[in-house]
Amino acid sequence: MRGNLKILSKGAFIILSIALVKHFFFYDVYEREMSKAEKARLEIVDGYKTPPMPDKDQNDKDALGIDSNNNGVRDDIEIWINYAGKNYNERMALRQLAADLQYEAKVFSGDINAKIVSHVVSVVYTSVLCVDHVLGFKNSKEMIRLMRELYKNTKLRTKIFERDNEFSYAFSPVRERKEPQDMCGFKLK
């Protein structure tokens, strides 16, 4: 009995440690990246006015956050993209992915069915292919991973993206061969 209690205590300690590291790692990544982006913030990027950095409490009170210019991208993520994207094509590809991740968050925060999941997975997959093309496979994987972490900056958002992972693995988008311009919803320069 006593041995089982020790094992149980060690297991609980390990689980708690993992949860704390995960929480602080994601928090630190979000805070670090947003701080760098805000310091480097430009008023106009690619011909568009950059939105102001939203109030954190207001931005984090629901799943979708604030999108003051109604372009489908959360304002804090848009500011980060303007900072992280090295050129027009990178920023546009990342904005496309961000808008599709925002759409994914909206869909997965409500009632879903197989048809909806299949559509969302296909839309996000197409954006991932666009980012892969523009940034190169190796760079795109890191940028996509980082963007997903930035999207999951609250417990609610993390829960939504976990729900996405739970459902989307059951669906594989049609992997038809497409030209880069067909994957990217903007004119490549």
N, C-alpha and C. Protein backbone atom coordinates (compact mmCIF):
# COMPACT_ATOMS: atom_id res chain seq x y z
N MET A 1 0.82 -1.20 0.00
CA MET A 1 0.00 0.00 0.00
C MET A 1 0.86 1.26 0.00
N ARG A 2 1.87 1.26 0.88
CA ARG A 2 2.73 2.42 0.99
C ARG A 2 3.52 2.65 -0.31
N GLY A 3 3.96 1.57 -0.97
CA GLY A 3 4.68 1.68 -2.23
C GLY A 3 3.81 2.27 -3.32
N ASN A 4 2.53 1.84 -3.33
CA ASN A 4 1.59 2.40 -4.31
C ASN A 4 1.37 3.88 -4.11
N LEU A 5 1.35 4.31 -2.84
CA LEU A 5 1.16 5.72 -2.53
C LEU A 5 2.35 6.55 -3.02
N LYS A 6 3.58 5.99 -2.84
CA LYS A 6 4.77 6.69 -3.34
C LYS A 6 4.72 6.84 -4.85
N ILE A 7 4.35 5.77 -5.54
CA ILE A 7 4.25 5.80 -7.00
C ILE A 7 3.21 6.83 -7.42
N LEU A 8 2.06 6.80 -6.73
CA LEU A 8 0.99 7.75 -7.03
C LEU A 8 1.47 9.18 -6.81
N SER A 9 2.18 9.43 -5.71
CA SER A 9 2.68 10.77 -5.42
C SER A 9 3.67 11.22 -6.48
N LYS A 10 4.59 10.34 -6.89
CA LYS A 10 5.55 10.69 -7.94
C LYS A 10 4.82 10.99 -9.25
N GLY A 11 3.82 10.19 -9.58
CA GLY A 11 3.05 10.41 -10.81
C GLY A 11 2.33 11.74 -10.78
N ALA A 12 1.71 12.06 -9.63
CA ALA A 12 1.00 13.33 -9.50
C ALA A 12 1.97 14.50 -9.60
N PHE A 13 3.16 14.35 -9.00
CA PHE A 13 4.17 15.40 -9.07
C PHE A 13 4.62 15.63 -10.52
N ILE A 14 4.83 14.55 -11.25
CA ILE A 14 5.27 14.65 -12.64
C ILE A 14 4.20 15.32 -13.49
N ILE A 15 2.95 14.92 -13.30
CA ILE A 15 1.84 15.52 -14.06
C ILE A 15 1.72 17.01 -13.74
N LEU A 16 1.79 17.35 -12.48
CA LEU A 16 1.72 18.75 -12.07
C LEU A 16 2.89 19.54 -12.65
N SER A 17 4.08 18.97 -12.62
CA SER A 17 5.26 19.64 -13.18
C SER A 17 5.10 19.90 -14.67
N ILE A 18 4.62 18.90 -15.39
CA ILE A 18 4.41 19.06 -16.83
C ILE A 18 3.39 20.15 -17.10
N ALA A 19 2.31 20.16 -16.35
CA ALA A 19 1.27 21.18 -16.53
C ALA A 19 1.82 22.58 -16.27
N LEU A 20 2.61 22.73 -15.22
CA LEU A 20 3.18 24.04 -14.90
C LEU A 20 4.17 24.49 -15.97
N VAL A 21 5.04 23.59 -16.41
CA VAL A 21 6.01 23.95 -17.45
C VAL A 21 5.27 24.35 -18.72
N LYS A 22 4.24 23.56 -19.08
CA LYS A 22 3.46 23.87 -20.28
C LYS A 22 2.82 25.25 -20.16
N HIS A 23 2.22 25.52 -19.00
CA HIS A 23 1.57 26.82 -18.79
C HIS A 23 2.56 27.96 -18.92
N PHE A 24 3.67 27.88 -18.20
CA PHE A 24 4.63 28.97 -18.21
C PHE A 24 5.37 29.07 -19.54
N PHE A 25 5.61 27.94 -20.21
CA PHE A 25 6.27 27.99 -21.52
C PHE A 25 5.39 28.73 -22.51
N PHE A 26 4.09 28.36 -22.58
CA PHE A 26 3.20 29.00 -23.54
C PHE A 26 3.00 30.47 -23.19
N TYR A 27 2.87 30.77 -21.91
CA TYR A 27 2.71 32.16 -21.49
C TYR A 27 3.95 32.95 -21.87
N ASP A 28 5.13 32.41 -21.58
CA ASP A 28 6.37 33.12 -21.89
C ASP A 28 6.53 33.33 -23.39
N VAL A 29 6.20 32.33 -24.20
CA VAL A 29 6.31 32.47 -25.65
C VAL A 29 5.40 33.60 -26.12
N TYR A 30 4.16 33.59 -25.67
CA TYR A 30 3.21 34.64 -26.09
C TYR A 30 3.72 36.01 -25.66
N GLU A 31 4.05 36.16 -24.39
CA GLU A 31 4.49 37.46 -23.88
C GLU A 31 5.76 37.92 -24.58
N ARG A 32 6.72 37.03 -24.76
CA ARG A 32 7.99 37.39 -25.41
C ARG A 32 7.75 37.85 -26.85
N GLU A 33 7.00 37.06 -27.61
CA GLU A 33 6.77 37.38 -29.02
C GLU A 33 5.95 38.66 -29.18
N MET A 34 4.94 38.84 -28.36
CA MET A 34 4.11 40.04 -28.48
C MET A 34 4.88 41.29 -28.05
N SER A 35 5.75 41.15 -27.08
CA SER A 35 6.56 42.28 -26.65
C SER A 35 7.49 42.72 -27.79
N LYS A 36 8.14 41.77 -28.43
CA LYS A 36 9.03 42.10 -29.56
C LYS A 36 8.23 42.73 -30.71
N ALA A 37 7.07 42.17 -30.99
CA ALA A 37 6.25 42.68 -32.09
C ALA A 37 5.77 44.10 -31.81
N GLU A 38 5.36 44.36 -30.59
CA GLU A 38 4.86 45.70 -30.24
C GLU A 38 5.97 46.74 -30.33
N LYS A 39 7.17 46.38 -29.92
CA LYS A 39 8.30 47.32 -29.99
C LYS A 39 8.67 47.65 -31.44
N ALA A 40 8.50 46.68 -32.33
CA ALA A 40 8.87 46.88 -33.74
C ALA A 40 7.69 47.32 -34.60
N ARG A 41 6.56 47.60 -33.98
CA ARG A 41 5.30 47.89 -34.68
C ARG A 41 5.43 49.09 -35.62
N LEU A 42 4.98 48.89 -36.84
CA LEU A 42 4.92 49.96 -37.84
C LEU A 42 3.46 50.35 -38.05
N GLU A 43 3.22 51.61 -38.38
CA GLU A 43 1.84 52.08 -38.59
C GLU A 43 1.22 51.49 -39.86
N ILE A 44 2.00 51.43 -40.93
CA ILE A 44 1.51 50.93 -42.22
C ILE A 44 2.40 49.78 -42.66
N VAL A 45 1.80 48.65 -42.99
CA VAL A 45 2.54 47.49 -43.49
C VAL A 45 1.80 46.95 -44.70
N ASP A 46 2.49 46.81 -45.80
CA ASP A 46 1.92 46.29 -47.05
C ASP A 46 0.69 47.09 -47.49
N GLY A 47 0.69 48.38 -47.19
CA GLY A 47 -0.40 49.26 -47.61
C GLY A 47 -1.59 49.26 -46.67
N TYR A 48 -1.50 48.53 -45.55
CA TYR A 48 -2.61 48.46 -44.60
C TYR A 48 -2.20 49.06 -43.27
N LYS A 49 -3.13 49.77 -42.63
CA LYS A 49 -2.88 50.34 -41.31
C LYS A 49 -2.84 49.21 -40.28
N THR A 50 -1.81 49.20 -39.48
CA THR A 50 -1.67 48.19 -38.43
C THR A 50 -2.63 48.53 -37.29
N PRO A 51 -3.39 47.55 -36.81
CA PRO A 51 -4.30 47.84 -35.69
C PRO A 51 -3.50 48.09 -34.41
N PRO A 52 -4.12 48.76 -33.45
CA PRO A 52 -3.44 48.95 -32.16
C PRO A 52 -3.39 47.62 -31.40
N MET A 53 -2.39 47.48 -30.53
CA MET A 53 -2.33 46.29 -29.69
C MET A 53 -3.55 46.32 -28.78
N PRO A 54 -4.36 45.26 -28.80
CA PRO A 54 -5.58 45.27 -27.99
C PRO A 54 -5.29 45.12 -26.50
N ASP A 55 -6.20 45.61 -25.70
CA ASP A 55 -6.14 45.40 -24.25
C ASP A 55 -6.18 43.90 -24.00
N LYS A 56 -5.23 43.38 -23.25
CA LYS A 56 -5.11 41.94 -23.04
C LYS A 56 -6.37 41.34 -22.43
N ASP A 57 -6.93 41.97 -21.42
CA ASP A 57 -8.13 41.43 -20.78
C ASP A 57 -9.31 41.36 -21.75
N GLN A 58 -9.50 42.43 -22.53
CA GLN A 58 -10.59 42.44 -23.52
C GLN A 58 -10.34 41.41 -24.62
N ASN A 59 -9.11 41.31 -25.07
CA ASN A 59 -8.75 40.40 -26.15
C ASN A 59 -8.89 38.93 -25.74
N ASP A 60 -8.65 38.66 -24.47
CA ASP A 60 -8.64 37.28 -23.99
C ASP A 60 -9.95 36.82 -23.36
N LYS A 61 -10.99 37.66 -23.41
CA LYS A 61 -12.22 37.27 -22.72
C LYS A 61 -13.08 36.26 -23.49
N ASP A 62 -12.79 36.05 -24.78
CA ASP A 62 -13.51 35.01 -25.52
C ASP A 62 -12.56 34.30 -26.48
N ALA A 63 -13.08 33.36 -27.22
CA ALA A 63 -12.25 32.52 -28.08
C ALA A 63 -11.64 33.27 -29.25
N LEU A 64 -12.34 34.27 -29.77
CA LEU A 64 -11.90 34.91 -31.01
C LEU A 64 -11.03 36.14 -30.81
N GLY A 65 -11.12 36.79 -29.67
CA GLY A 65 -10.31 37.98 -29.45
C GLY A 65 -10.79 39.16 -30.27
N ILE A 66 -9.97 40.18 -30.35
CA ILE A 66 -10.35 41.42 -31.03
C ILE A 66 -9.75 41.47 -32.43
N ASP A 67 -10.61 41.80 -33.39
CA ASP A 67 -10.22 42.00 -34.78
C ASP A 67 -10.81 43.34 -35.21
N SER A 68 -10.14 44.43 -34.82
CA SER A 68 -10.73 45.76 -35.00
C SER A 68 -10.86 46.19 -36.46
N ASN A 69 -10.04 45.64 -37.34
CA ASN A 69 -10.15 46.02 -38.76
C ASN A 69 -10.92 44.99 -39.58
N ASN A 70 -11.51 44.01 -38.92
CA ASN A 70 -12.39 43.02 -39.55
C ASN A 70 -11.76 42.31 -40.76
N ASN A 71 -10.47 41.98 -40.65
CA ASN A 71 -9.82 41.26 -41.75
C ASN A 71 -9.71 39.75 -41.47
N GLY A 72 -10.34 39.31 -40.38
CA GLY A 72 -10.35 37.89 -40.06
C GLY A 72 -9.17 37.42 -39.23
N VAL A 73 -8.30 38.36 -38.83
CA VAL A 73 -7.11 38.01 -38.05
C VAL A 73 -7.16 38.78 -36.73
N ARG A 74 -6.95 38.06 -35.63
CA ARG A 74 -6.88 38.71 -34.32
C ARG A 74 -5.81 39.80 -34.35
N ASP A 75 -6.08 40.95 -33.77
CA ASP A 75 -5.17 42.10 -33.85
C ASP A 75 -3.77 41.79 -33.31
N ASP A 76 -3.68 41.11 -32.17
CA ASP A 76 -2.36 40.81 -31.61
C ASP A 76 -1.56 39.89 -32.55
N ILE A 77 -2.24 38.95 -33.18
CA ILE A 77 -1.58 38.04 -34.12
C ILE A 77 -1.15 38.82 -35.37
N GLU A 78 -1.99 39.74 -35.83
CA GLU A 78 -1.64 40.55 -37.00
C GLU A 78 -0.40 41.40 -36.75
N ILE A 79 -0.31 41.98 -35.56
CA ILE A 79 0.86 42.77 -35.21
C ILE A 79 2.10 41.88 -35.20
N TRP A 80 1.96 40.67 -34.67
CA TRP A 80 3.09 39.73 -34.66
C TRP A 80 3.50 39.34 -36.08
N ILE A 81 2.52 39.10 -36.95
CA ILE A 81 2.82 38.74 -38.35
C ILE A 81 3.59 39.87 -39.03
N ASN A 82 3.17 41.11 -38.79
CA ASN A 82 3.87 42.25 -39.39
C ASN A 82 5.32 42.31 -38.92
N TYR A 83 5.56 41.85 -37.69
CA TYR A 83 6.91 41.81 -37.14
C TYR A 83 7.70 40.60 -37.68
N ALA A 84 7.07 39.44 -37.69
CA ALA A 84 7.77 38.18 -37.99
C ALA A 84 7.97 37.93 -39.48
N GLY A 85 7.03 38.39 -40.31
CA GLY A 85 7.14 38.17 -41.75
C GLY A 85 8.24 39.04 -42.34
N LYS A 86 9.13 38.43 -43.08
CA LYS A 86 10.30 39.16 -43.61
C LYS A 86 9.99 39.95 -44.88
N ASN A 87 8.93 39.56 -45.59
CA ASN A 87 8.60 40.25 -46.83
C ASN A 87 7.09 40.11 -47.09
N TYR A 88 6.64 40.75 -48.15
CA TYR A 88 5.21 40.76 -48.49
C TYR A 88 4.63 39.34 -48.57
N ASN A 89 5.27 38.46 -49.32
CA ASN A 89 4.73 37.10 -49.50
C ASN A 89 4.63 36.36 -48.17
N GLU A 90 5.65 36.47 -47.32
CA GLU A 90 5.60 35.80 -46.02
C GLU A 90 4.46 36.35 -45.17
N ARG A 91 4.35 37.67 -45.11
CA ARG A 91 3.28 38.25 -44.29
C ARG A 91 1.91 37.87 -44.82
N MET A 92 1.73 37.89 -46.12
CA MET A 92 0.44 37.53 -46.70
C MET A 92 0.11 36.05 -46.45
N ALA A 93 1.10 35.18 -46.61
CA ALA A 93 0.86 33.74 -46.36
C ALA A 93 0.51 33.52 -44.88
N LEU A 94 1.21 34.20 -43.99
CA LEU A 94 0.92 34.06 -42.56
C LEU A 94 -0.43 34.66 -42.21
N ARG A 95 -0.81 35.77 -42.85
CA ARG A 95 -2.15 36.34 -42.62
C ARG A 95 -3.24 35.37 -43.09
N GLN A 96 -3.00 34.74 -44.24
CA GLN A 96 -3.98 33.76 -44.74
C GLN A 96 -4.14 32.63 -43.73
N LEU A 97 -3.03 32.10 -43.24
CA LEU A 97 -3.10 31.02 -42.25
C LEU A 97 -3.77 31.51 -40.98
N ALA A 98 -3.42 32.72 -40.54
CA ALA A 98 -4.02 33.26 -39.31
C ALA A 98 -5.53 33.41 -39.44
N ALA A 99 -5.99 33.89 -40.58
CA ALA A 99 -7.44 34.04 -40.80
C ALA A 99 -8.11 32.66 -40.79
N ASP A 100 -7.44 31.67 -41.36
CA ASP A 100 -8.02 30.32 -41.37
C ASP A 100 -7.98 29.68 -39.98
N LEU A 101 -6.95 29.97 -39.19
CA LEU A 101 -6.92 29.49 -37.81
C LEU A 101 -8.02 30.17 -36.99
N GLN A 102 -8.27 31.44 -37.29
CA GLN A 102 -9.35 32.17 -36.61
C GLN A 102 -10.70 31.53 -36.97
N TYR A 103 -10.86 31.20 -38.24
CA TYR A 103 -12.07 30.51 -38.71
C TYR A 103 -12.19 29.16 -38.01
N GLU A 104 -11.09 28.45 -37.90
CA GLU A 104 -11.07 27.16 -37.23
C GLU A 104 -11.49 27.32 -35.76
N ALA A 105 -10.98 28.34 -35.09
CA ALA A 105 -11.35 28.59 -33.69
C ALA A 105 -12.84 28.89 -33.57
N LYS A 106 -13.35 29.66 -34.51
CA LYS A 106 -14.80 29.99 -34.50
C LYS A 106 -15.63 28.72 -34.68
N VAL A 107 -15.25 27.90 -35.64
CA VAL A 107 -16.00 26.67 -35.91
C VAL A 107 -15.92 25.70 -34.73
N PHE A 108 -14.72 25.49 -34.21
CA PHE A 108 -14.54 24.51 -33.14
C PHE A 108 -15.02 25.00 -31.78
N SER A 109 -15.38 26.26 -31.67
CA SER A 109 -15.96 26.73 -30.41
C SER A 109 -17.47 26.53 -30.40
N GLY A 110 -18.03 26.05 -31.51
CA GLY A 110 -19.47 25.79 -31.59
C GLY A 110 -19.75 24.33 -31.86
N ASP A 111 -20.96 24.06 -32.32
CA ASP A 111 -21.34 22.69 -32.68
C ASP A 111 -20.70 22.33 -34.02
N ILE A 112 -20.20 21.13 -34.11
CA ILE A 112 -19.53 20.71 -35.34
C ILE A 112 -20.07 19.36 -35.80
N ASN A 113 -19.86 19.10 -37.08
CA ASN A 113 -20.18 17.80 -37.64
C ASN A 113 -19.09 17.43 -38.64
N ALA A 114 -19.16 16.23 -39.17
CA ALA A 114 -18.11 15.71 -40.05
C ALA A 114 -17.89 16.60 -41.28
N LYS A 115 -18.95 17.11 -41.85
CA LYS A 115 -18.82 17.94 -43.06
C LYS A 115 -18.07 19.24 -42.74
N ILE A 116 -18.41 19.86 -41.63
CA ILE A 116 -17.76 21.10 -41.22
C ILE A 116 -16.27 20.84 -40.92
N VAL A 117 -15.98 19.78 -40.17
CA VAL A 117 -14.60 19.45 -39.82
C VAL A 117 -13.78 19.22 -41.09
N SER A 118 -14.33 18.47 -42.00
CA SER A 118 -13.64 18.18 -43.26
C SER A 118 -13.31 19.48 -44.01
N HIS A 119 -14.27 20.39 -44.06
CA HIS A 119 -14.05 21.66 -44.75
C HIS A 119 -12.97 22.49 -44.06
N VAL A 120 -13.05 22.61 -42.75
CA VAL A 120 -12.08 23.41 -42.00
C VAL A 120 -10.67 22.83 -42.17
N VAL A 121 -10.54 21.51 -42.05
CA VAL A 121 -9.24 20.87 -42.21
C VAL A 121 -8.67 21.16 -43.60
N SER A 122 -9.51 21.10 -44.60
CA SER A 122 -9.07 21.37 -45.97
C SER A 122 -8.62 22.82 -46.14
N VAL A 123 -9.36 23.76 -45.59
CA VAL A 123 -9.02 25.18 -45.69
C VAL A 123 -7.69 25.46 -45.00
N VAL A 124 -7.53 24.96 -43.78
CA VAL A 124 -6.29 25.20 -43.03
C VAL A 124 -5.12 24.51 -43.73
N TYR A 125 -5.34 23.31 -44.23
CA TYR A 125 -4.28 22.58 -44.93
C TYR A 125 -3.80 23.35 -46.16
N THR A 126 -4.71 23.93 -46.90
CA THR A 126 -4.33 24.73 -48.07
C THR A 126 -3.47 25.92 -47.65
N SER A 127 -3.83 26.56 -46.55
CA SER A 127 -3.02 27.68 -46.05
C SER A 127 -1.64 27.21 -45.60
N VAL A 128 -1.59 26.05 -44.97
CA VAL A 128 -0.30 25.50 -44.56
C VAL A 128 0.59 25.26 -45.79
N LEU A 129 0.00 24.74 -46.86
CA LEU A 129 0.75 24.52 -48.10
C LEU A 129 1.27 25.85 -48.67
N CYS A 130 0.47 26.89 -48.58
CA CYS A 130 0.90 28.21 -49.04
C CYS A 130 2.10 28.68 -48.22
N VAL A 131 2.01 28.56 -46.89
CA VAL A 131 3.12 28.97 -46.02
C VAL A 131 4.35 28.12 -46.32
N ASP A 132 4.15 26.81 -46.52
CA ASP A 132 5.28 25.93 -46.88
C ASP A 132 5.97 26.43 -48.15
N HIS A 133 5.19 26.77 -49.14
CA HIS A 133 5.76 27.24 -50.41
C HIS A 133 6.54 28.54 -50.23
N VAL A 134 5.94 29.49 -49.53
CA VAL A 134 6.53 30.82 -49.41
C VAL A 134 7.76 30.82 -48.48
N LEU A 135 7.68 30.14 -47.36
CA LEU A 135 8.77 30.18 -46.38
C LEU A 135 9.76 29.03 -46.55
N GLY A 136 9.39 28.03 -47.30
CA GLY A 136 10.22 26.83 -47.37
C GLY A 136 9.79 25.89 -46.26
N PHE A 137 9.85 24.60 -46.51
CA PHE A 137 9.30 23.61 -45.58
C PHE A 137 9.86 23.74 -44.17
N LYS A 138 11.17 23.82 -44.02
CA LYS A 138 11.79 23.86 -42.69
C LYS A 138 11.36 25.11 -41.91
N ASN A 139 11.45 26.27 -42.53
CA ASN A 139 11.07 27.52 -41.86
C ASN A 139 9.58 27.57 -41.58
N SER A 140 8.78 27.02 -42.49
CA SER A 140 7.33 27.10 -42.31
C SER A 140 6.87 26.29 -41.11
N LYS A 141 7.48 25.14 -40.87
CA LYS A 141 7.06 24.29 -39.75
C LYS A 141 7.25 25.03 -38.43
N GLU A 142 8.38 25.70 -38.28
CA GLU A 142 8.63 26.45 -37.04
C GLU A 142 7.66 27.63 -36.91
N MET A 143 7.43 28.35 -38.00
CA MET A 143 6.55 29.51 -37.97
C MET A 143 5.10 29.08 -37.69
N ILE A 144 4.66 27.99 -38.29
CA ILE A 144 3.30 27.49 -38.06
C ILE A 144 3.15 27.03 -36.61
N ARG A 145 4.16 26.32 -36.09
CA ARG A 145 4.12 25.87 -34.70
C ARG A 145 4.02 27.07 -33.76
N LEU A 146 4.83 28.09 -34.03
CA LEU A 146 4.83 29.28 -33.19
C LEU A 146 3.49 30.01 -33.27
N MET A 147 2.94 30.14 -34.48
CA MET A 147 1.65 30.81 -34.61
C MET A 147 0.55 30.07 -33.85
N ARG A 148 0.54 28.75 -33.93
CA ARG A 148 -0.45 27.97 -33.19
C ARG A 148 -0.30 28.19 -31.68
N GLU A 149 0.94 28.28 -31.21
CA GLU A 149 1.16 28.54 -29.78
C GLU A 149 0.65 29.92 -29.40
N LEU A 150 0.87 30.90 -30.26
CA LEU A 150 0.38 32.25 -29.98
C LEU A 150 -1.15 32.28 -29.94
N TYR A 151 -1.78 31.49 -30.79
CA TYR A 151 -3.24 31.42 -30.79
C TYR A 151 -3.77 30.80 -29.50
N LYS A 152 -3.01 29.92 -28.88
CA LYS A 152 -3.46 29.20 -27.69
C LYS A 152 -3.01 29.90 -26.41
N ASN A 153 -3.16 31.22 -26.33
CA ASN A 153 -2.65 31.95 -25.18
C ASN A 153 -3.61 32.01 -23.99
N THR A 154 -4.77 31.39 -24.10
CA THR A 154 -5.68 31.29 -22.95
C THR A 154 -6.13 29.83 -22.82
N LYS A 155 -6.69 29.50 -21.66
CA LYS A 155 -7.18 28.13 -21.44
C LYS A 155 -8.29 27.79 -22.43
N LEU A 156 -9.19 28.73 -22.68
CA LEU A 156 -10.29 28.49 -23.61
C LEU A 156 -9.76 28.22 -25.02
N ARG A 157 -8.82 29.03 -25.48
CA ARG A 157 -8.27 28.83 -26.82
C ARG A 157 -7.49 27.52 -26.92
N THR A 158 -6.77 27.18 -25.86
CA THR A 158 -6.06 25.90 -25.84
C THR A 158 -7.05 24.75 -25.94
N LYS A 159 -8.15 24.86 -25.21
CA LYS A 159 -9.17 23.81 -25.24
C LYS A 159 -9.78 23.67 -26.64
N ILE A 160 -10.00 24.79 -27.32
CA ILE A 160 -10.57 24.75 -28.67
C ILE A 160 -9.61 24.06 -29.63
N PHE A 161 -8.33 24.41 -29.55
CA PHE A 161 -7.37 23.78 -30.46
C PHE A 161 -7.13 22.32 -30.10
N GLU A 162 -7.29 21.94 -28.85
CA GLU A 162 -7.23 20.52 -28.49
C GLU A 162 -8.43 19.79 -29.09
N ARG A 163 -9.57 20.45 -29.11
CA ARG A 163 -10.75 19.87 -29.73
C ARG A 163 -10.53 19.69 -31.23
N ASP A 164 -9.87 20.68 -31.83
CA ASP A 164 -9.52 20.59 -33.24
C ASP A 164 -8.64 19.36 -33.47
N ASN A 165 -7.61 19.18 -32.66
CA ASN A 165 -6.72 18.03 -32.81
C ASN A 165 -7.48 16.72 -32.67
N GLU A 166 -8.41 16.69 -31.75
CA GLU A 166 -9.21 15.49 -31.50
C GLU A 166 -10.01 15.08 -32.74
N PHE A 167 -10.57 16.05 -33.44
CA PHE A 167 -11.43 15.75 -34.59
C PHE A 167 -10.69 15.71 -35.92
N SER A 168 -9.74 16.61 -36.10
CA SER A 168 -9.16 16.75 -37.43
C SER A 168 -8.28 15.58 -37.85
N TYR A 169 -7.75 14.80 -36.91
CA TYR A 169 -6.94 13.66 -37.30
C TYR A 169 -7.78 12.60 -38.02
N ALA A 170 -9.06 12.62 -37.83
CA ALA A 170 -9.94 11.66 -38.50
C ALA A 170 -10.19 12.03 -39.96
N PHE A 171 -9.82 13.25 -40.32
CA PHE A 171 -10.09 13.73 -41.68
C PHE A 171 -8.79 14.10 -42.37
N SER A 172 -8.59 13.58 -43.53
CA SER A 172 -7.43 13.96 -44.33
C SER A 172 -7.92 14.79 -45.51
N PRO A 173 -7.37 15.99 -45.66
CA PRO A 173 -7.79 16.79 -46.81
C PRO A 173 -7.34 16.13 -48.10
N VAL A 174 -8.05 16.40 -49.15
CA VAL A 174 -7.67 15.88 -50.46
C VAL A 174 -6.34 16.53 -50.82
N ARG A 175 -5.36 15.72 -51.08
CA ARG A 175 -4.02 16.24 -51.36
C ARG A 175 -3.77 16.28 -52.86
N GLU A 176 -4.56 17.07 -53.55
CA GLU A 176 -4.36 17.21 -54.98
C GLU A 176 -3.19 18.16 -55.21
N ARG A 177 -2.50 17.94 -56.28
CA ARG A 177 -1.35 18.79 -56.60
C ARG A 177 -1.87 20.14 -57.09
N LYS A 178 -1.41 21.20 -56.42
CA LYS A 178 -1.83 22.54 -56.78
C LYS A 178 -0.60 23.40 -57.04
N GLU A 179 -0.79 24.37 -57.88
CA GLU A 179 0.26 25.35 -58.11
C GLU A 179 0.29 26.30 -56.91
N PRO A 180 1.46 26.85 -56.59
CA PRO A 180 1.55 27.76 -55.44
C PRO A 180 0.52 28.88 -55.47
N GLN A 181 0.27 29.47 -56.63
CA GLN A 181 -0.69 30.56 -56.72
C GLN A 181 -2.10 30.09 -56.36
N ASP A 182 -2.40 28.81 -56.61
CA ASP A 182 -3.72 28.29 -56.28
C ASP A 182 -3.89 28.04 -54.78
N MET A 183 -2.80 27.83 -54.07
CA MET A 183 -2.86 27.60 -52.62
C MET A 183 -2.92 28.91 -51.85
N CYS A 184 -2.32 29.92 -52.42
CA CYS A 184 -2.24 31.23 -51.74
C CYS A 184 -3.38 32.10 -52.25
N GLY A 185 -4.14 32.66 -51.33
CA GLY A 185 -5.27 33.49 -51.68
C GLY A 185 -4.90 34.93 -51.97
N PHE A 186 -3.69 35.16 -52.41
CA PHE A 186 -3.20 36.50 -52.74
C PHE A 186 -2.24 36.35 -53.91
N LYS A 187 -1.95 37.45 -54.57
CA LYS A 187 -1.03 37.40 -55.72
C LYS A 187 0.40 37.40 -55.20
N LEU A 188 1.10 36.30 -55.51
CA LEU A 188 2.50 36.18 -55.11
C LEU A 188 3.34 37.22 -55.84
N LYS A 189 4.27 37.82 -55.14
CA LYS A 189 5.18 38.81 -55.76
C LYS A 189 6.56 38.21 -55.88
